[in-house]
Amino acid sequence: MRALVVVAILIAVYTAKADTPLPPPTKTIVMSPSGCMRAVSEPKAGTHIEDTKRHKVLWCLPDWHRSLFVANDGKHLVKQYDGLNLIPLDFTDDLVLLTFWREGKKLRDITVRDFVPGHHILQHTASHYHWGIVHGIDPEGRLKVERADGKIFLFDVSTGKTPEA
């Protein structure tokens, strides 16, 4: 009986640490903090930003993206790495974690090198590294990102930079 309890605990611990595979690409819809703007991303149609009050498409990107954050002004969008908060064990420092856009033009990429000053900050999971969590865009137009070590960064979505930069 005791052996069964130990086995059950080990299975529970292993399952809790296992990385869940991402779902296949599907239509993604995200709203700005005010709800006035919407980003719609579809696997075959790409991504468009629309004004929800005027029912008007403002601009587009040709590709589908799993995780997006649209600003209240409808001009700025941030795309998160499609692996979300997990990066492969064999990543390179030029892996792009965040991309800042203004009306369809890329403003800036934030790479692992830019965001993680040392690999010791990354948290090893069952099959990846956890780099951080993107909490979203606040009403002031700042993207709140929490690095794996708990440090919070506020990126200006209009520049892709933090005040510390």
N, C-alpha and C. Protein backbone atom coordinates (compact mmCIF):
# COMPACT_ATOMS: atom_id res chain seq x y z
N MET A 1 0.82 -1.20 0.00
CA MET A 1 0.00 0.00 0.00
C MET A 1 0.87 1.26 0.00
N ARG A 2 1.91 1.24 0.82
CA ARG A 2 2.80 2.40 0.89
C ARG A 2 3.48 2.63 -0.46
N ALA A 3 3.84 1.56 -1.14
CA ALA A 3 4.48 1.68 -2.46
C ALA A 3 3.53 2.34 -3.46
N LEU A 4 2.25 2.01 -3.39
CA LEU A 4 1.27 2.62 -4.29
C LEU A 4 1.15 4.13 -4.03
N VAL A 5 1.19 4.52 -2.77
CA VAL A 5 1.12 5.94 -2.44
C VAL A 5 2.33 6.67 -3.00
N VAL A 6 3.51 6.09 -2.84
CA VAL A 6 4.74 6.69 -3.37
C VAL A 6 4.66 6.82 -4.88
N VAL A 7 4.22 5.78 -5.55
CA VAL A 7 4.09 5.80 -7.02
C VAL A 7 3.09 6.88 -7.43
N ALA A 8 1.96 6.97 -6.74
CA ALA A 8 0.94 7.97 -7.07
C ALA A 8 1.51 9.38 -6.90
N ILE A 9 2.27 9.60 -5.85
CA ILE A 9 2.88 10.92 -5.62
C ILE A 9 3.88 11.24 -6.71
N LEU A 10 4.71 10.28 -7.08
CA LEU A 10 5.70 10.50 -8.13
C LEU A 10 5.03 10.81 -9.46
N ILE A 11 3.96 10.11 -9.78
CA ILE A 11 3.22 10.37 -11.02
C ILE A 11 2.63 11.78 -10.99
N ALA A 12 2.06 12.19 -9.85
CA ALA A 12 1.47 13.52 -9.74
C ALA A 12 2.53 14.60 -9.89
N VAL A 13 3.69 14.41 -9.27
CA VAL A 13 4.78 15.39 -9.37
C VAL A 13 5.28 15.47 -10.80
N TYR A 14 5.49 14.34 -11.46
CA TYR A 14 5.97 14.34 -12.83
C TYR A 14 4.96 15.03 -13.75
N THR A 15 3.67 14.71 -13.57
CA THR A 15 2.64 15.30 -14.41
C THR A 15 2.58 16.81 -14.22
N ALA A 16 2.74 17.28 -13.00
CA ALA A 16 2.70 18.72 -12.72
C ALA A 16 3.86 19.45 -13.39
N LYS A 17 5.00 18.80 -13.54
CA LYS A 17 6.16 19.44 -14.15
C LYS A 17 6.19 19.27 -15.66
N ALA A 18 5.35 18.42 -16.20
CA ALA A 18 5.36 18.17 -17.65
C ALA A 18 4.81 19.38 -18.39
N ASP A 19 5.37 19.66 -19.55
CA ASP A 19 4.91 20.75 -20.39
C ASP A 19 3.76 20.25 -21.25
N THR A 20 2.70 21.02 -21.30
CA THR A 20 1.54 20.67 -22.11
C THR A 20 1.76 21.17 -23.53
N PRO A 21 1.56 20.30 -24.53
CA PRO A 21 1.72 20.77 -25.92
C PRO A 21 0.73 21.89 -26.24
N LEU A 22 1.16 22.80 -27.09
CA LEU A 22 0.29 23.89 -27.50
C LEU A 22 -0.80 23.37 -28.42
N PRO A 23 -1.98 23.98 -28.37
CA PRO A 23 -3.04 23.57 -29.30
C PRO A 23 -2.68 23.98 -30.72
N PRO A 24 -3.31 23.36 -31.71
CA PRO A 24 -3.03 23.75 -33.10
C PRO A 24 -3.50 25.18 -33.35
N PRO A 25 -2.98 25.82 -34.39
CA PRO A 25 -3.39 27.19 -34.70
C PRO A 25 -4.91 27.30 -34.91
N THR A 26 -5.51 28.26 -34.25
CA THR A 26 -6.94 28.54 -34.40
C THR A 26 -7.12 30.06 -34.38
N LYS A 27 -8.30 30.48 -34.72
CA LYS A 27 -8.62 31.91 -34.71
C LYS A 27 -8.41 32.47 -33.31
N THR A 28 -7.68 33.58 -33.23
CA THR A 28 -7.38 34.24 -31.96
C THR A 28 -7.94 35.65 -32.03
N ILE A 29 -8.67 36.04 -30.99
CA ILE A 29 -9.23 37.39 -30.92
C ILE A 29 -8.82 37.98 -29.57
N VAL A 30 -8.21 39.17 -29.61
CA VAL A 30 -7.84 39.86 -28.38
C VAL A 30 -8.33 41.30 -28.45
N MET A 31 -8.68 41.83 -27.29
CA MET A 31 -9.19 43.19 -27.19
C MET A 31 -8.15 44.10 -26.54
N SER A 32 -8.20 45.37 -26.87
CA SER A 32 -7.37 46.37 -26.19
C SER A 32 -7.92 46.54 -24.77
N PRO A 33 -7.13 47.16 -23.87
CA PRO A 33 -7.63 47.37 -22.51
C PRO A 33 -8.98 48.10 -22.45
N SER A 34 -9.21 49.05 -23.34
CA SER A 34 -10.46 49.81 -23.35
C SER A 34 -11.60 49.07 -24.05
N GLY A 35 -11.26 48.05 -24.84
CA GLY A 35 -12.26 47.32 -25.61
C GLY A 35 -12.62 47.98 -26.92
N CYS A 36 -11.96 49.08 -27.25
CA CYS A 36 -12.26 49.81 -28.50
C CYS A 36 -11.57 49.23 -29.71
N MET A 37 -10.48 48.50 -29.49
CA MET A 37 -9.72 47.90 -30.59
C MET A 37 -9.67 46.39 -30.41
N ARG A 38 -9.57 45.72 -31.56
CA ARG A 38 -9.53 44.26 -31.53
C ARG A 38 -8.50 43.78 -32.54
N ALA A 39 -7.74 42.76 -32.13
CA ALA A 39 -6.84 42.08 -33.06
C ALA A 39 -7.43 40.70 -33.33
N VAL A 40 -7.54 40.36 -34.60
CA VAL A 40 -8.07 39.06 -35.01
C VAL A 40 -6.99 38.37 -35.83
N SER A 41 -6.60 37.19 -35.41
CA SER A 41 -5.55 36.45 -36.12
C SER A 41 -6.08 35.08 -36.51
N GLU A 42 -6.04 34.78 -37.82
CA GLU A 42 -6.54 33.51 -38.33
C GLU A 42 -5.43 32.80 -39.09
N PRO A 43 -5.33 31.47 -38.91
CA PRO A 43 -4.22 30.73 -39.52
C PRO A 43 -4.04 30.95 -41.02
N LYS A 44 -5.11 31.03 -41.79
CA LYS A 44 -4.97 31.17 -43.24
C LYS A 44 -5.12 32.61 -43.73
N ALA A 45 -5.70 33.47 -42.90
CA ALA A 45 -6.00 34.83 -43.34
C ALA A 45 -5.03 35.88 -42.79
N GLY A 46 -4.24 35.52 -41.80
CA GLY A 46 -3.33 36.49 -41.20
C GLY A 46 -3.99 37.24 -40.05
N THR A 47 -3.47 38.42 -39.76
CA THR A 47 -3.92 39.20 -38.60
C THR A 47 -4.37 40.58 -39.05
N HIS A 48 -5.48 41.02 -38.49
CA HIS A 48 -5.89 42.40 -38.74
C HIS A 48 -6.31 43.07 -37.44
N ILE A 49 -6.11 44.39 -37.40
CA ILE A 49 -6.48 45.21 -36.26
C ILE A 49 -7.69 46.02 -36.69
N GLU A 50 -8.70 46.01 -35.85
CA GLU A 50 -9.91 46.74 -36.22
C GLU A 50 -10.43 47.61 -35.09
N ASP A 51 -11.06 48.70 -35.48
CA ASP A 51 -11.74 49.59 -34.56
C ASP A 51 -13.13 49.00 -34.36
N THR A 52 -13.46 48.63 -33.13
CA THR A 52 -14.73 47.94 -32.87
C THR A 52 -15.93 48.88 -32.93
N LYS A 53 -15.71 50.17 -32.69
CA LYS A 53 -16.83 51.12 -32.73
C LYS A 53 -17.21 51.48 -34.16
N ARG A 54 -16.18 51.64 -35.01
CA ARG A 54 -16.44 52.01 -36.41
C ARG A 54 -16.52 50.80 -37.33
N HIS A 55 -16.26 49.61 -36.78
CA HIS A 55 -16.25 48.36 -37.56
C HIS A 55 -15.38 48.50 -38.80
N LYS A 56 -14.15 48.98 -38.55
CA LYS A 56 -13.23 49.27 -39.65
C LYS A 56 -11.88 48.60 -39.38
N VAL A 57 -11.34 47.91 -40.40
CA VAL A 57 -10.00 47.33 -40.31
C VAL A 57 -9.00 48.47 -40.48
N LEU A 58 -8.08 48.57 -39.54
CA LEU A 58 -7.10 49.66 -39.55
C LEU A 58 -5.82 49.27 -40.27
N TRP A 59 -5.34 48.06 -40.03
CA TRP A 59 -4.13 47.57 -40.68
C TRP A 59 -4.02 46.06 -40.48
N CYS A 60 -3.08 45.45 -41.23
CA CYS A 60 -2.96 44.00 -41.23
C CYS A 60 -1.51 43.53 -41.15
N LEU A 61 -1.34 42.29 -40.72
CA LEU A 61 -0.08 41.55 -40.80
C LEU A 61 -0.39 40.28 -41.58
N PRO A 62 0.55 39.80 -42.40
CA PRO A 62 0.25 38.66 -43.25
C PRO A 62 0.16 37.31 -42.52
N ASP A 63 0.69 37.20 -41.32
CA ASP A 63 0.78 35.89 -40.66
C ASP A 63 -0.15 35.75 -39.47
N TRP A 64 -0.41 34.50 -39.09
CA TRP A 64 -1.16 34.17 -37.88
C TRP A 64 -0.21 34.23 -36.68
N HIS A 65 -0.74 34.69 -35.55
CA HIS A 65 0.04 34.73 -34.32
C HIS A 65 -0.81 34.21 -33.17
N ARG A 66 -0.20 33.42 -32.32
CA ARG A 66 -0.89 32.77 -31.20
C ARG A 66 -1.22 33.76 -30.08
N SER A 67 -0.30 34.69 -29.79
CA SER A 67 -0.46 35.58 -28.65
C SER A 67 -0.15 37.01 -29.06
N LEU A 68 -1.17 37.87 -28.94
CA LEU A 68 -1.07 39.27 -29.35
C LEU A 68 -1.62 40.18 -28.27
N PHE A 69 -1.14 41.41 -28.27
CA PHE A 69 -1.63 42.43 -27.35
C PHE A 69 -1.79 43.71 -28.14
N VAL A 70 -3.00 44.24 -28.18
CA VAL A 70 -3.28 45.44 -28.98
C VAL A 70 -3.52 46.62 -28.04
N ALA A 71 -2.95 47.77 -28.40
CA ALA A 71 -3.07 48.98 -27.59
C ALA A 71 -4.38 49.70 -27.88
N ASN A 72 -4.77 50.56 -26.97
CA ASN A 72 -6.01 51.34 -27.11
C ASN A 72 -6.03 52.23 -28.35
N ASP A 73 -4.85 52.66 -28.82
CA ASP A 73 -4.82 53.56 -29.97
C ASP A 73 -5.03 52.84 -31.30
N GLY A 74 -4.98 51.51 -31.29
CA GLY A 74 -5.16 50.75 -32.52
C GLY A 74 -3.97 50.79 -33.46
N LYS A 75 -2.97 51.57 -33.13
CA LYS A 75 -1.78 51.69 -33.95
C LYS A 75 -0.69 50.70 -33.54
N HIS A 76 -0.70 50.31 -32.28
CA HIS A 76 0.40 49.50 -31.74
C HIS A 76 -0.08 48.11 -31.32
N LEU A 77 0.78 47.14 -31.61
CA LEU A 77 0.50 45.74 -31.31
C LEU A 77 1.80 45.09 -30.88
N VAL A 78 1.70 44.16 -29.96
CA VAL A 78 2.86 43.37 -29.55
C VAL A 78 2.53 41.91 -29.78
N LYS A 79 3.45 41.23 -30.44
CA LYS A 79 3.33 39.80 -30.69
C LYS A 79 4.28 39.08 -29.75
N GLN A 80 3.76 38.08 -29.06
CA GLN A 80 4.59 37.25 -28.18
C GLN A 80 5.09 36.03 -28.96
N TYR A 81 6.23 35.53 -28.57
CA TYR A 81 6.78 34.29 -29.12
C TYR A 81 5.68 33.23 -29.17
N ASP A 82 5.55 32.52 -30.28
CA ASP A 82 4.46 31.55 -30.45
C ASP A 82 4.53 30.37 -29.49
N GLY A 83 5.67 30.16 -28.87
CA GLY A 83 5.79 29.13 -27.83
C GLY A 83 5.36 29.65 -26.47
N LEU A 84 4.85 30.88 -26.46
CA LEU A 84 4.38 31.56 -25.26
C LEU A 84 5.49 31.73 -24.24
N ASN A 85 5.33 31.21 -23.05
CA ASN A 85 6.32 31.44 -22.00
C ASN A 85 7.41 30.39 -21.93
N LEU A 86 7.41 29.44 -22.85
CA LEU A 86 8.40 28.37 -22.87
C LEU A 86 9.25 28.43 -24.14
N ILE A 87 10.55 28.32 -23.96
CA ILE A 87 11.46 28.29 -25.10
C ILE A 87 12.19 26.95 -25.10
N PRO A 88 12.64 26.48 -26.27
CA PRO A 88 13.30 25.18 -26.34
C PRO A 88 14.61 25.15 -25.56
N LEU A 89 14.99 23.96 -25.13
CA LEU A 89 16.25 23.80 -24.40
C LEU A 89 17.45 24.20 -25.26
N ASP A 90 17.34 24.03 -26.57
CA ASP A 90 18.45 24.35 -27.47
C ASP A 90 18.30 25.74 -28.11
N PHE A 91 17.64 26.66 -27.42
CA PHE A 91 17.41 28.01 -27.95
C PHE A 91 18.75 28.71 -28.20
N THR A 92 18.69 29.74 -29.04
CA THR A 92 19.83 30.63 -29.21
C THR A 92 19.44 32.00 -28.66
N ASP A 93 20.42 32.78 -28.30
CA ASP A 93 20.16 34.08 -27.68
C ASP A 93 19.46 35.07 -28.61
N ASP A 94 19.42 34.78 -29.92
CA ASP A 94 18.72 35.67 -30.84
C ASP A 94 17.25 35.27 -31.05
N LEU A 95 16.75 34.32 -30.27
CA LEU A 95 15.34 33.94 -30.33
C LEU A 95 14.49 35.14 -29.91
N VAL A 96 13.51 35.50 -30.73
CA VAL A 96 12.67 36.67 -30.49
C VAL A 96 11.52 36.30 -29.55
N LEU A 97 11.45 37.00 -28.41
CA LEU A 97 10.39 36.78 -27.43
C LEU A 97 9.20 37.70 -27.66
N LEU A 98 9.47 38.94 -28.03
CA LEU A 98 8.43 39.95 -28.25
C LEU A 98 8.75 40.76 -29.50
N THR A 99 7.72 41.08 -30.26
CA THR A 99 7.88 41.97 -31.42
C THR A 99 6.87 43.09 -31.30
N PHE A 100 7.36 44.32 -31.39
CA PHE A 100 6.52 45.51 -31.30
C PHE A 100 6.25 46.02 -32.71
N TRP A 101 4.97 46.32 -33.00
CA TRP A 101 4.53 46.77 -34.32
C TRP A 101 3.81 48.11 -34.21
N ARG A 102 3.92 48.90 -35.26
CA ARG A 102 3.14 50.13 -35.40
C ARG A 102 2.55 50.13 -36.80
N GLU A 103 1.24 50.00 -36.88
CA GLU A 103 0.51 50.03 -38.15
C GLU A 103 1.16 49.16 -39.23
N GLY A 104 1.51 47.93 -38.86
CA GLY A 104 2.04 46.97 -39.82
C GLY A 104 3.53 47.02 -40.04
N LYS A 105 4.21 47.95 -39.39
CA LYS A 105 5.67 48.06 -39.53
C LYS A 105 6.33 47.65 -38.21
N LYS A 106 7.33 46.79 -38.34
CA LYS A 106 8.02 46.33 -37.15
C LYS A 106 8.84 47.46 -36.55
N LEU A 107 8.63 47.68 -35.24
CA LEU A 107 9.41 48.68 -34.51
C LEU A 107 10.65 48.07 -33.88
N ARG A 108 10.46 46.92 -33.23
CA ARG A 108 11.56 46.37 -32.46
C ARG A 108 11.28 44.92 -32.06
N ASP A 109 12.33 44.12 -32.07
CA ASP A 109 12.29 42.77 -31.52
C ASP A 109 13.00 42.77 -30.18
N ILE A 110 12.47 42.02 -29.23
CA ILE A 110 13.13 41.78 -27.96
C ILE A 110 13.54 40.31 -27.97
N THR A 111 14.83 40.06 -27.92
CA THR A 111 15.35 38.70 -27.96
C THR A 111 15.67 38.20 -26.55
N VAL A 112 15.99 36.92 -26.46
CA VAL A 112 16.44 36.36 -25.19
C VAL A 112 17.64 37.17 -24.70
N ARG A 113 18.57 37.47 -25.58
CA ARG A 113 19.77 38.25 -25.22
C ARG A 113 19.40 39.60 -24.60
N ASP A 114 18.36 40.25 -25.15
CA ASP A 114 17.93 41.56 -24.65
C ASP A 114 17.26 41.47 -23.28
N PHE A 115 16.55 40.39 -23.05
CA PHE A 115 15.67 40.31 -21.88
C PHE A 115 16.23 39.49 -20.71
N VAL A 116 17.09 38.54 -21.02
CA VAL A 116 17.61 37.64 -19.99
C VAL A 116 19.12 37.81 -19.92
N PRO A 117 19.63 38.54 -18.93
CA PRO A 117 21.06 38.81 -18.87
C PRO A 117 21.93 37.59 -18.57
N GLY A 118 21.33 36.56 -18.03
CA GLY A 118 22.07 35.32 -17.77
C GLY A 118 21.12 34.13 -17.82
N HIS A 119 21.58 33.04 -18.38
CA HIS A 119 20.72 31.86 -18.54
C HIS A 119 20.29 31.28 -17.20
N HIS A 120 21.01 31.60 -16.12
CA HIS A 120 20.63 31.11 -14.80
C HIS A 120 19.26 31.64 -14.37
N ILE A 121 18.78 32.70 -14.99
CA ILE A 121 17.47 33.28 -14.67
C ILE A 121 16.34 32.38 -15.18
N LEU A 122 16.59 31.67 -16.27
CA LEU A 122 15.57 30.81 -16.86
C LEU A 122 15.25 29.65 -15.92
N GLN A 123 14.00 29.22 -15.92
CA GLN A 123 13.57 28.09 -15.10
C GLN A 123 13.39 26.87 -15.99
N HIS A 124 14.10 25.80 -15.66
CA HIS A 124 14.01 24.56 -16.43
C HIS A 124 12.72 23.85 -16.09
N THR A 125 11.95 23.50 -17.12
CA THR A 125 10.74 22.71 -16.95
C THR A 125 11.04 21.29 -17.44
N ALA A 126 10.02 20.48 -17.63
CA ALA A 126 10.24 19.11 -18.07
C ALA A 126 10.95 19.03 -19.42
N SER A 127 10.61 19.96 -20.33
CA SER A 127 11.20 19.87 -21.66
C SER A 127 11.59 21.22 -22.27
N HIS A 128 11.48 22.30 -21.51
CA HIS A 128 11.76 23.65 -22.02
C HIS A 128 12.39 24.50 -20.93
N TYR A 129 12.54 25.78 -21.26
CA TYR A 129 12.87 26.80 -20.26
C TYR A 129 11.71 27.77 -20.20
N HIS A 130 11.34 28.15 -18.99
CA HIS A 130 10.34 29.19 -18.77
C HIS A 130 11.09 30.52 -18.71
N TRP A 131 10.74 31.46 -19.58
CA TRP A 131 11.45 32.74 -19.63
C TRP A 131 10.68 33.87 -18.94
N GLY A 132 9.34 33.78 -18.90
CA GLY A 132 8.56 34.83 -18.27
C GLY A 132 7.10 34.77 -18.65
N ILE A 133 6.35 35.77 -18.18
CA ILE A 133 4.91 35.85 -18.42
C ILE A 133 4.58 37.25 -18.92
N VAL A 134 3.82 37.33 -19.99
CA VAL A 134 3.34 38.62 -20.49
C VAL A 134 1.96 38.84 -19.90
N HIS A 135 1.82 39.88 -19.09
CA HIS A 135 0.55 40.14 -18.41
C HIS A 135 -0.40 40.98 -19.24
N GLY A 136 0.10 41.67 -20.27
CA GLY A 136 -0.77 42.45 -21.13
C GLY A 136 -0.42 43.93 -21.12
N ILE A 137 -1.23 44.70 -21.85
CA ILE A 137 -1.03 46.14 -21.97
C ILE A 137 -1.93 46.83 -20.95
N ASP A 138 -1.34 47.75 -20.20
CA ASP A 138 -2.12 48.49 -19.21
C ASP A 138 -2.74 49.72 -19.88
N PRO A 139 -3.63 50.43 -19.18
CA PRO A 139 -4.29 51.61 -19.78
C PRO A 139 -3.33 52.72 -20.18
N GLU A 140 -2.12 52.74 -19.62
CA GLU A 140 -1.13 53.75 -19.99
C GLU A 140 -0.31 53.36 -21.23
N GLY A 141 -0.63 52.24 -21.83
CA GLY A 141 0.08 51.83 -23.04
C GLY A 141 1.40 51.15 -22.78
N ARG A 142 1.53 50.50 -21.64
CA ARG A 142 2.76 49.78 -21.31
C ARG A 142 2.48 48.29 -21.25
N LEU A 143 3.36 47.53 -21.87
CA LEU A 143 3.25 46.07 -21.82
C LEU A 143 3.95 45.59 -20.55
N LYS A 144 3.22 44.91 -19.71
CA LYS A 144 3.78 44.40 -18.45
C LYS A 144 4.26 42.97 -18.68
N VAL A 145 5.57 42.77 -18.43
CA VAL A 145 6.18 41.46 -18.62
C VAL A 145 6.93 41.09 -17.34
N GLU A 146 6.68 39.90 -16.85
CA GLU A 146 7.37 39.40 -15.67
C GLU A 146 8.38 38.35 -16.09
N ARG A 147 9.64 38.62 -15.83
CA ARG A 147 10.70 37.67 -16.17
C ARG A 147 10.64 36.49 -15.22
N ALA A 148 11.25 35.38 -15.59
CA ALA A 148 11.20 34.15 -14.80
C ALA A 148 11.69 34.34 -13.37
N ASP A 149 12.55 35.32 -13.14
CA ASP A 149 13.06 35.58 -11.78
C ASP A 149 12.15 36.49 -10.97
N GLY A 150 10.98 36.87 -11.55
CA GLY A 150 10.02 37.69 -10.84
C GLY A 150 10.15 39.19 -11.08
N LYS A 151 11.20 39.63 -11.77
CA LYS A 151 11.37 41.06 -12.05
C LYS A 151 10.35 41.50 -13.09
N ILE A 152 9.72 42.65 -12.83
CA ILE A 152 8.68 43.19 -13.71
C ILE A 152 9.28 44.26 -14.62
N PHE A 153 8.90 44.21 -15.90
CA PHE A 153 9.33 45.19 -16.90
C PHE A 153 8.08 45.80 -17.51
N LEU A 154 8.12 47.11 -17.73
CA LEU A 154 7.04 47.83 -18.40
C LEU A 154 7.59 48.42 -19.69
N PHE A 155 7.18 47.86 -20.82
CA PHE A 155 7.63 48.31 -22.13
C PHE A 155 6.63 49.32 -22.69
N ASP A 156 7.13 50.43 -23.19
CA ASP A 156 6.29 51.39 -23.89
C ASP A 156 5.95 50.77 -25.24
N VAL A 157 4.65 50.54 -25.50
CA VAL A 157 4.29 49.85 -26.75
C VAL A 157 4.56 50.69 -27.98
N SER A 158 4.72 51.99 -27.81
CA SER A 158 4.99 52.84 -28.98
C SER A 158 6.45 52.82 -29.40
N THR A 159 7.34 52.32 -28.51
CA THR A 159 8.77 52.27 -28.84
C THR A 159 9.37 50.88 -28.65
N GLY A 160 8.75 50.04 -27.82
CA GLY A 160 9.32 48.73 -27.51
C GLY A 160 10.44 48.82 -26.49
N LYS A 161 10.54 49.96 -25.83
CA LYS A 161 11.63 50.15 -24.86
C LYS A 161 11.08 50.29 -23.45
N THR A 162 11.94 50.00 -22.47
CA THR A 162 11.59 50.20 -21.08
C THR A 162 12.24 51.49 -20.60
N PRO A 163 11.73 52.09 -19.53
CA PRO A 163 12.39 53.30 -19.01
C PRO A 163 13.85 53.08 -18.64
N GLU A 164 14.21 51.84 -18.27
CA GLU A 164 15.60 51.54 -17.89
C GLU A 164 16.53 51.54 -19.11
N ALA A 165 15.96 51.36 -20.32
CA ALA A 165 16.79 51.22 -21.52
C ALA A 165 17.46 52.51 -21.90
